[in-house]
C-alpha cells in the first residue's frame, strides 16, 4: 500500500483538501478525527491528559475543554512539549494500526505535525497544504479563536514554508475552492496514473 501524508499548519485547509481527495475516491484518514476519538472521556489518553494538566481542562460533561488545553499548550513551550509527548506516540500508533488494517492500494493520511515529529520517513509521499499566514489568522478568528490565542498558535508552529522542501506536492489554498480542487485533481492524477 502507498501511504501519502497530507500536512501543513493550522487553518490552512488540510481537512478541506482531504475531503476533496475523498470525493475523488481516495481512502483517507484524518488525524484530527482520530485525536478526537482517542481523547474521549475515560480513554487512556484522556486520563493521562487530566493527570498531567488537571481538572481545569475537563468540561462539566467530562469532555476535554480543548480551547483551555490549547491556551495552556500554546501559552508555554514546556506545556506544549508535555502535551506533545503524551499525544504524538498514541496518535502515531493509532495511525499505524489503521494503515495496517486498511485494504486499499493507496491511502492519504492527514498528519499536521509530520515534519515536526520527524515521521516523514514513514510515508511514500508528502502533500503540503499551504495558505498565507494572514489567511490562517483570519480562518482561526472565524472559528471563534480569540485574537491573542490565534497569534500564539501561529507563532508557536513551524512555518509551512519550512515544510515545503519535504513535499512531493504543494497545494495552495489561498484562492478559491475551485482553484484548490484543480490542484487536488492534478495530485490525484499523479497518484493514480
Protein backbone atom coordinates (compact mmCIF):
# COMPACT_ATOMS: atom_id res chain seq x y z
CA UNK A 1 0.00 0.00 0.00
CA UNK A 2 1.19 3.52 -0.79
CA UNK A 3 0.91 5.85 2.19
CA UNK A 4 0.71 9.54 1.37
CA UNK A 5 0.92 12.09 4.18
CA UNK A 6 -1.02 15.35 3.99
CA UNK A 7 0.46 18.05 6.20
CA UNK A 8 0.50 21.80 6.79
CA UNK A 9 -0.19 24.29 9.55
CA UNK A 10 -3.36 25.09 11.40
CA UNK A 11 -6.20 26.63 9.37
CA UNK A 12 -4.50 26.02 6.02
CA UNK A 13 -7.25 23.83 4.60
CA UNK A 14 -5.97 20.31 5.27
CA UNK A 15 -9.42 18.95 6.13
CA UNK A 16 -10.96 20.56 3.05
CA UNK A 17 -8.23 19.11 0.83
CA UNK A 18 -8.63 15.68 2.46
CA UNK A 19 -12.39 15.79 1.72
CA UNK A 20 -11.63 16.70 -1.89
CA UNK A 21 -9.40 13.62 -2.20
CA UNK A 22 -12.23 11.55 -0.67
CA UNK A 23 -14.64 12.93 -3.27
CA UNK A 24 -12.26 11.68 -5.96
CA UNK A 25 -12.33 8.18 -4.45
CA UNK A 26 -9.35 8.22 -2.09
CA UNK A 27 -9.23 6.28 1.13
CA UNK A 28 -8.36 8.86 3.79
CA UNK A 29 -7.60 9.13 7.46
CA UNK A 30 -7.90 12.34 9.46
CA UNK A 31 -5.58 12.52 12.45
CA UNK A 32 -7.78 15.31 13.87
CA UNK A 33 -10.75 12.91 13.90
CA UNK A 34 -8.53 10.21 15.36
CA UNK A 35 -7.34 12.55 18.12
CA UNK A 36 -10.94 13.41 18.99
CA UNK A 37 -11.70 9.68 19.25
CA UNK A 38 -8.60 9.00 21.36
CA UNK A 39 -9.42 11.89 23.74
CA UNK A 40 -12.97 10.80 24.56
CA UNK A 41 -13.75 10.81 28.30
CA UNK A 42 -12.42 7.74 30.05
CA UNK A 43 -9.85 6.77 27.42
CA UNK A 44 -6.25 6.16 28.42
CA UNK A 45 -5.14 9.37 26.70
CA UNK A 46 -7.92 11.38 28.38
CA UNK A 47 -6.78 10.05 31.77
CA UNK A 48 -3.14 10.93 31.07
CA UNK A 49 -4.05 14.45 29.96
CA UNK A 50 -6.19 15.10 33.04
CA UNK A 51 -3.43 13.75 35.29
CA UNK A 52 -0.86 15.98 33.57
CA UNK A 53 -2.89 19.20 33.25
CA UNK A 54 -5.55 18.89 35.95
CA UNK A 55 -9.33 19.19 36.15
CA UNK A 56 -9.20 22.68 34.61
CA UNK A 57 -9.15 21.01 31.18
CA UNK A 58 -12.34 18.99 31.84
CA UNK A 59 -15.78 20.36 30.97
CA UNK A 60 -18.90 19.60 33.01
CA UNK A 61 -19.89 16.78 30.62
CA UNK A 62 -16.48 15.10 31.11
CA UNK A 63 -15.09 16.03 27.71
CA UNK A 64 -11.85 17.91 27.37
CA UNK A 65 -12.04 21.68 27.23
CA UNK A 66 -9.93 21.81 24.08
CA UNK A 67 -9.72 25.60 23.98
CA UNK A 68 -8.47 25.66 27.58
CA UNK A 69 -5.93 22.94 26.77
CA UNK A 70 -4.83 24.95 23.72
CA UNK A 71 -4.41 28.08 25.84
CA UNK A 72 -2.17 26.15 28.24
CA UNK A 73 -0.19 24.45 25.49
CA UNK A 74 0.30 27.47 23.27
CA UNK A 75 0.91 29.79 26.19
CA UNK A 76 4.03 27.99 27.35
CA UNK A 77 6.57 25.98 25.33
CA UNK A 78 7.18 23.50 28.16
CA UNK A 79 3.45 22.72 28.45
CA UNK A 80 3.26 22.22 24.68
CA UNK A 81 6.18 19.75 24.85
CA UNK A 82 4.43 17.85 27.68
CA UNK A 83 1.22 17.71 25.64
CA UNK A 84 3.05 16.54 22.51
CA UNK A 85 4.90 13.83 24.49
CA UNK A 86 1.56 12.42 25.60
CA UNK A 87 -0.40 12.78 22.35
CA UNK A 88 2.00 12.09 19.47
CA UNK A 89 3.03 8.49 20.27
CA UNK A 90 -0.59 7.45 20.84
CA UNK A 91 -1.77 9.09 17.61
CA UNK A 92 1.07 7.67 15.51
CA UNK A 93 0.41 4.19 16.91
CA UNK A 94 -3.29 4.53 16.05
CA UNK A 95 -2.42 5.75 12.53
CA UNK A 96 -0.07 2.78 12.04
CA UNK A 97 -2.81 0.38 13.16
CA UNK A 98 -5.35 1.94 10.77
CA UNK A 99 -2.87 1.73 7.89
CA UNK A 100 -2.13 -1.93 8.64
CA UNK A 101 -5.82 -2.83 8.71
CA UNK A 102 -6.73 -0.89 5.54
CA UNK A 103 -7.30 -2.97 2.44
CA UNK A 104 -6.59 -0.38 -0.21
CA UNK A 105 -3.66 0.25 -2.54
CA UNK A 106 -3.43 3.94 -1.61
CA UNK A 107 -4.26 5.95 1.50
CA UNK A 108 -3.96 9.66 2.26
CA UNK A 109 -3.33 10.39 5.91
CA UNK A 110 -3.59 13.86 7.42
CA UNK A 111 -0.64 14.38 9.80
CA UNK A 112 -0.39 18.07 10.76
CA UNK A 113 2.90 17.79 12.67
CA UNK A 114 4.55 15.30 10.31
CA UNK A 115 7.80 17.23 9.89
CA UNK A 116 7.95 18.49 13.48
CA UNK A 117 7.92 14.93 14.86
CA UNK A 118 10.15 13.58 12.03
CA UNK A 119 7.68 10.96 10.77
CA UNK A 120 8.10 11.80 7.08
CA UNK A 121 10.14 8.61 6.55
CA UNK A 122 7.06 6.50 7.29
CA UNK A 123 5.32 7.71 4.13
CA UNK A 124 5.76 7.15 0.40
CA UNK A 125 4.92 10.75 -0.48
CA UNK A 126 4.04 14.07 1.13
CA UNK A 127 1.43 16.66 0.17
CA UNK A 128 1.90 20.03 1.86
CA UNK A 129 -1.17 22.26 2.12
CA UNK A 130 -0.30 25.95 2.34
CA UNK A 131 -2.20 29.20 2.89
CA UNK A 132 -0.85 32.63 3.73
CA UNK A 133 -0.26 33.42 7.44
CA UNK A 134 -2.81 36.25 7.18
CA UNK A 135 -5.41 33.80 5.88
CA UNK A 136 -4.58 31.32 8.65
CA UNK A 137 -5.15 34.05 11.23
CA UNK A 138 -8.43 35.08 9.56
CA UNK A 139 -9.66 31.46 9.48
CA UNK A 140 -8.80 30.95 13.14
CA UNK A 141 -10.70 34.10 14.08
CA UNK A 142 -13.69 32.89 12.03
CA UNK A 143 -13.62 29.67 14.10
CA UNK A 144 -14.01 31.78 17.23
CA UNK A 145 -10.39 31.57 18.39
CA UNK A 146 -9.54 34.71 20.39
CA UNK A 147 -7.06 37.01 18.64
CA UNK A 148 -4.31 36.58 21.23
CA UNK A 149 -4.58 32.77 21.13
CA UNK A 150 -4.61 32.78 17.31
CA UNK A 151 -1.36 34.78 17.32
CA UNK A 152 0.18 32.45 19.94
CA UNK A 153 -0.73 29.37 17.91
CA UNK A 154 0.70 30.78 14.69
CA UNK A 155 3.91 31.94 16.41
CA UNK A 156 4.44 28.55 18.03
CA UNK A 157 4.11 26.45 14.88
CA UNK A 158 6.78 25.63 12.34
CA UNK A 159 6.06 27.87 9.34
CA UNK A 160 4.68 25.89 6.44
CA UNK A 161 7.36 27.30 4.14
CA UNK A 162 9.80 25.15 6.17
CA UNK A 163 7.79 22.03 5.27
CA UNK A 164 7.81 22.63 1.53
CA UNK A 165 11.32 21.17 0.97
CA UNK A 166 9.90 17.82 2.17
CA UNK A 167 6.93 17.98 -0.22
CA UNK A 168 6.32 15.90 -3.29
CA UNK A 169 3.28 18.09 -4.00
CA UNK A 170 2.16 21.50 -2.71
CA UNK A 171 -1.49 22.55 -2.72
CA UNK A 172 -2.04 26.26 -2.10
CA UNK A 173 -5.40 27.16 -0.58
CA UNK A 174 -5.34 30.95 -0.55
CA UNK A 175 -7.53 31.26 -3.64
CA UNK A 176 -10.94 29.80 -4.49
CA UNK A 177 -12.15 26.28 -3.68
CA UNK A 178 -12.27 25.61 -7.43
CA UNK A 179 -8.59 26.51 -7.71
CA UNK A 180 -7.79 24.25 -4.76
CA UNK A 181 -9.81 21.39 -6.25
CA UNK A 182 -7.97 21.71 -9.58
CA UNK A 183 -4.68 21.25 -7.70
CA UNK A 184 -6.09 18.25 -5.81
CA UNK A 185 -7.16 16.70 -9.13
CA UNK A 186 -3.63 17.09 -10.53
CA UNK A 187 -2.11 15.38 -7.47
CA UNK A 188 -4.75 12.63 -7.60
CA UNK A 189 -3.91 12.05 -11.27
CA UNK A 190 -0.22 11.69 -10.34
CA UNK A 191 -1.05 9.26 -7.54
CA UNK A 192 -3.34 7.07 -9.62
CA UNK A 193 -1.61 7.21 -13.01
